[in-house]
Amino acid sequence: MDSNTFTLITTVAKMIFFVPIGIVLIINIINPRILWEKFESWKAASEPSPAFFRVRRISSLVILAIILYLFFSGTIPFLRNFPQ
């Protein structure tokens, strides 16, 4: 496998893995209430406190920053030793 093919495969793998997660994280940063209503509201008797949504926003921002770093750094730990 030549270098260009390997680069294409890793880029596609990164996009398949990171793009959907990134979209969910961006939604959670903009309005965490949407995902809470969609996935967790059935478990709660009432809406959680504003601090809950603040923590979700901050954690989503941190995770998104890590994902963007991994996406644009050119290396992903589990693909680093991929045979070429």
N, C-alpha and C. Protein backbone atom coordinates (compact mmCIF):
# COMPACT_ATOMS: atom_id res chain seq x y z
N MET A 1 0.86 -1.17 0.00
CA MET A 1 0.00 0.00 0.00
C MET A 1 0.90 1.23 0.00
N ASP A 2 0.67 2.11 -0.94
CA ASP A 2 1.52 3.29 -1.02
C ASP A 2 1.07 4.36 -0.02
N SER A 3 1.86 5.38 0.09
CA SER A 3 1.64 6.43 1.09
C SER A 3 0.33 7.19 0.86
N ASN A 4 0.00 7.47 -0.40
CA ASN A 4 -1.23 8.22 -0.70
C ASN A 4 -2.48 7.43 -0.32
N THR A 5 -2.46 6.14 -0.58
CA THR A 5 -3.60 5.30 -0.22
C THR A 5 -3.77 5.24 1.29
N PHE A 6 -2.66 5.09 1.98
CA PHE A 6 -2.71 5.06 3.45
C PHE A 6 -3.25 6.37 4.01
N THR A 7 -2.81 7.49 3.45
CA THR A 7 -3.29 8.79 3.89
C THR A 7 -4.79 8.93 3.65
N LEU A 8 -5.25 8.47 2.49
CA LEU A 8 -6.68 8.53 2.18
C LEU A 8 -7.49 7.67 3.14
N ILE A 9 -7.01 6.47 3.42
CA ILE A 9 -7.72 5.57 4.34
C ILE A 9 -7.79 6.17 5.74
N THR A 10 -6.70 6.72 6.23
CA THR A 10 -6.73 7.31 7.57
C THR A 10 -7.61 8.54 7.63
N THR A 11 -7.62 9.33 6.57
CA THR A 11 -8.49 10.52 6.54
C THR A 11 -9.96 10.11 6.55
N VAL A 12 -10.32 9.13 5.76
CA VAL A 12 -11.71 8.66 5.74
C VAL A 12 -12.08 8.05 7.08
N ALA A 13 -11.17 7.28 7.68
CA ALA A 13 -11.44 6.68 8.99
C ALA A 13 -11.66 7.75 10.04
N LYS A 14 -10.83 8.79 10.00
CA LYS A 14 -11.00 9.89 10.96
C LYS A 14 -12.33 10.59 10.75
N MET A 15 -12.72 10.80 9.51
CA MET A 15 -13.98 11.50 9.25
C MET A 15 -15.17 10.66 9.69
N ILE A 16 -15.14 9.36 9.42
CA ILE A 16 -16.24 8.48 9.84
C ILE A 16 -16.36 8.47 11.35
N PHE A 17 -15.24 8.50 12.05
CA PHE A 17 -15.25 8.43 13.49
C PHE A 17 -15.54 9.77 14.16
N PHE A 18 -14.88 10.83 13.69
CA PHE A 18 -14.92 12.10 14.40
C PHE A 18 -16.06 13.03 14.00
N VAL A 19 -16.50 13.02 12.77
CA VAL A 19 -17.52 13.97 12.32
C VAL A 19 -18.86 13.79 13.04
N PRO A 20 -19.42 12.57 13.12
CA PRO A 20 -20.69 12.45 13.85
C PRO A 20 -20.57 12.83 15.33
N ILE A 21 -19.46 12.46 15.94
CA ILE A 21 -19.25 12.83 17.35
C ILE A 21 -19.13 14.34 17.48
N GLY A 22 -18.43 14.97 16.55
CA GLY A 22 -18.27 16.41 16.57
C GLY A 22 -19.60 17.15 16.41
N ILE A 23 -20.47 16.62 15.55
CA ILE A 23 -21.78 17.25 15.36
C ILE A 23 -22.60 17.19 16.64
N VAL A 24 -22.59 16.05 17.30
CA VAL A 24 -23.32 15.92 18.57
C VAL A 24 -22.73 16.85 19.62
N LEU A 25 -21.43 16.95 19.67
CA LEU A 25 -20.79 17.85 20.65
C LEU A 25 -21.13 19.31 20.38
N ILE A 26 -21.16 19.70 19.12
CA ILE A 26 -21.50 21.09 18.79
C ILE A 26 -22.95 21.39 19.18
N ILE A 27 -23.84 20.45 18.92
CA ILE A 27 -25.24 20.63 19.35
C ILE A 27 -25.29 20.77 20.87
N ASN A 28 -24.51 19.96 21.57
CA ASN A 28 -24.51 20.01 23.03
C ASN A 28 -23.90 21.31 23.56
N ILE A 29 -22.98 21.90 22.83
CA ILE A 29 -22.40 23.18 23.24
C ILE A 29 -23.41 24.31 23.02
N ILE A 30 -24.08 24.28 21.87
CA ILE A 30 -25.03 25.34 21.54
C ILE A 30 -26.26 25.29 22.44
N ASN A 31 -26.87 24.11 22.55
CA ASN A 31 -28.08 23.97 23.37
C ASN A 31 -28.14 22.57 23.97
N PRO A 32 -27.58 22.38 25.15
CA PRO A 32 -27.55 21.04 25.75
C PRO A 32 -28.93 20.51 26.12
N ARG A 33 -29.90 21.40 26.20
CA ARG A 33 -31.27 20.97 26.52
C ARG A 33 -31.85 20.05 25.44
N ILE A 34 -31.45 20.26 24.19
CA ILE A 34 -31.96 19.44 23.08
C ILE A 34 -31.60 17.97 23.29
N LEU A 35 -30.33 17.71 23.55
CA LEU A 35 -29.92 16.31 23.75
C LEU A 35 -30.46 15.75 25.05
N TRP A 36 -30.58 16.59 26.07
CA TRP A 36 -31.15 16.10 27.32
C TRP A 36 -32.60 15.69 27.10
N GLU A 37 -33.37 16.50 26.41
CA GLU A 37 -34.77 16.17 26.14
C GLU A 37 -34.89 14.92 25.28
N LYS A 38 -34.00 14.76 24.33
CA LYS A 38 -34.06 13.63 23.41
C LYS A 38 -33.69 12.31 24.09
N PHE A 39 -32.66 12.31 24.92
CA PHE A 39 -32.12 11.06 25.43
C PHE A 39 -32.28 10.82 26.93
N GLU A 40 -32.48 11.86 27.71
CA GLU A 40 -32.47 11.66 29.16
C GLU A 40 -33.71 12.16 29.89
N SER A 41 -34.58 12.88 29.23
CA SER A 41 -35.71 13.47 29.93
C SER A 41 -36.67 12.43 30.49
N TRP A 42 -36.73 11.26 29.88
CA TRP A 42 -37.65 10.23 30.35
C TRP A 42 -37.25 9.70 31.73
N LYS A 43 -35.98 9.90 32.11
CA LYS A 43 -35.51 9.40 33.41
C LYS A 43 -35.75 10.38 34.55
N ALA A 44 -36.02 11.63 34.23
CA ALA A 44 -36.08 12.66 35.26
C ALA A 44 -37.52 13.05 35.59
N ALA A 45 -37.72 13.40 36.85
CA ALA A 45 -39.04 13.88 37.27
C ALA A 45 -39.20 15.36 36.92
N SER A 46 -38.08 16.08 36.90
CA SER A 46 -38.12 17.50 36.52
C SER A 46 -36.83 17.84 35.78
N GLU A 47 -36.82 19.03 35.20
CA GLU A 47 -35.64 19.47 34.47
C GLU A 47 -34.48 19.73 35.42
N PRO A 48 -33.26 19.33 35.04
CA PRO A 48 -32.12 19.55 35.93
C PRO A 48 -31.76 21.03 36.07
N SER A 49 -30.87 21.28 37.00
CA SER A 49 -30.47 22.66 37.29
C SER A 49 -29.63 23.23 36.14
N PRO A 50 -29.52 24.55 36.09
CA PRO A 50 -28.66 25.17 35.07
C PRO A 50 -27.20 24.74 35.18
N ALA A 51 -26.76 24.38 36.37
CA ALA A 51 -25.37 23.93 36.55
C ALA A 51 -25.12 22.63 35.78
N PHE A 52 -26.12 21.76 35.72
CA PHE A 52 -26.01 20.52 34.97
C PHE A 52 -25.73 20.81 33.49
N PHE A 53 -26.47 21.75 32.94
CA PHE A 53 -26.29 22.09 31.53
C PHE A 53 -24.97 22.82 31.31
N ARG A 54 -24.52 23.61 32.28
CA ARG A 54 -23.24 24.29 32.18
C ARG A 54 -22.10 23.28 32.14
N VAL A 55 -22.18 22.26 33.00
CA VAL A 55 -21.15 21.23 33.04
C VAL A 55 -21.14 20.45 31.72
N ARG A 56 -22.30 20.15 31.18
CA ARG A 56 -22.38 19.46 29.89
C ARG A 56 -21.77 20.29 28.78
N ARG A 57 -22.02 21.59 28.81
CA ARG A 57 -21.45 22.49 27.80
C ARG A 57 -19.93 22.51 27.88
N ILE A 58 -19.42 22.66 29.08
CA ILE A 58 -17.96 22.74 29.28
C ILE A 58 -17.30 21.42 28.90
N SER A 59 -17.86 20.30 29.33
CA SER A 59 -17.26 19.00 29.00
C SER A 59 -17.31 18.74 27.51
N SER A 60 -18.39 19.15 26.85
CA SER A 60 -18.47 18.98 25.40
C SER A 60 -17.42 19.83 24.69
N LEU A 61 -17.19 21.02 25.19
CA LEU A 61 -16.18 21.89 24.60
C LEU A 61 -14.78 21.29 24.74
N VAL A 62 -14.47 20.73 25.90
CA VAL A 62 -13.17 20.10 26.13
C VAL A 62 -12.99 18.89 25.21
N ILE A 63 -14.01 18.05 25.14
CA ILE A 63 -13.93 16.86 24.29
C ILE A 63 -13.80 17.26 22.82
N LEU A 64 -14.53 18.28 22.39
CA LEU A 64 -14.43 18.75 21.01
C LEU A 64 -13.02 19.27 20.72
N ALA A 65 -12.42 19.97 21.66
CA ALA A 65 -11.05 20.46 21.47
C ALA A 65 -10.08 19.30 21.31
N ILE A 66 -10.25 18.25 22.09
CA ILE A 66 -9.39 17.07 21.98
C ILE A 66 -9.58 16.40 20.61
N ILE A 67 -10.83 16.27 20.19
CA ILE A 67 -11.11 15.64 18.90
C ILE A 67 -10.54 16.46 17.75
N LEU A 68 -10.68 17.78 17.81
CA LEU A 68 -10.11 18.63 16.76
C LEU A 68 -8.59 18.51 16.72
N TYR A 69 -7.97 18.43 17.89
CA TYR A 69 -6.52 18.24 17.93
C TYR A 69 -6.13 16.92 17.28
N LEU A 70 -6.83 15.84 17.63
CA LEU A 70 -6.51 14.54 17.05
C LEU A 70 -6.77 14.52 15.54
N PHE A 71 -7.84 15.18 15.12
CA PHE A 71 -8.18 15.19 13.70
C PHE A 71 -7.14 15.94 12.87
N PHE A 72 -6.71 17.09 13.35
CA PHE A 72 -5.80 17.92 12.57
C PHE A 72 -4.32 17.68 12.86
N SER A 73 -4.00 16.89 13.88
CA SER A 73 -2.59 16.65 14.19
C SER A 73 -1.96 15.66 13.23
N GLY A 74 -2.77 14.87 12.55
CA GLY A 74 -2.22 13.92 11.58
C GLY A 74 -1.97 12.55 12.15
N THR A 75 -2.13 12.38 13.45
CA THR A 75 -1.93 11.06 14.04
C THR A 75 -3.09 10.72 14.95
N ILE A 76 -3.43 9.47 14.92
CA ILE A 76 -4.41 8.93 15.85
C ILE A 76 -3.72 7.75 16.52
N PRO A 77 -3.73 7.67 17.83
CA PRO A 77 -2.97 6.61 18.50
C PRO A 77 -3.24 5.21 17.97
N PHE A 78 -4.48 4.83 17.69
CA PHE A 78 -4.72 3.47 17.27
C PHE A 78 -4.39 3.23 15.80
N LEU A 79 -4.11 4.26 15.03
CA LEU A 79 -3.68 4.09 13.64
C LEU A 79 -2.19 4.31 13.46
N ARG A 80 -1.49 4.65 14.51
CA ARG A 80 -0.08 4.98 14.41
C ARG A 80 0.75 3.79 13.92
N ASN A 81 0.45 2.58 14.40
CA ASN A 81 1.22 1.40 14.03
C ASN A 81 0.54 0.57 12.95
N PHE A 82 -0.34 1.18 12.20
CA PHE A 82 -1.04 0.50 11.12
C PHE A 82 -0.04 0.11 10.05
N PRO A 83 -0.06 -1.16 9.59
CA PRO A 83 0.93 -1.57 8.58
C PRO A 83 0.70 -0.84 7.25
N GLN A 84 1.79 -0.44 6.65
CA GLN A 84 1.69 0.29 5.38
C GLN A 84 2.02 -0.59 4.21
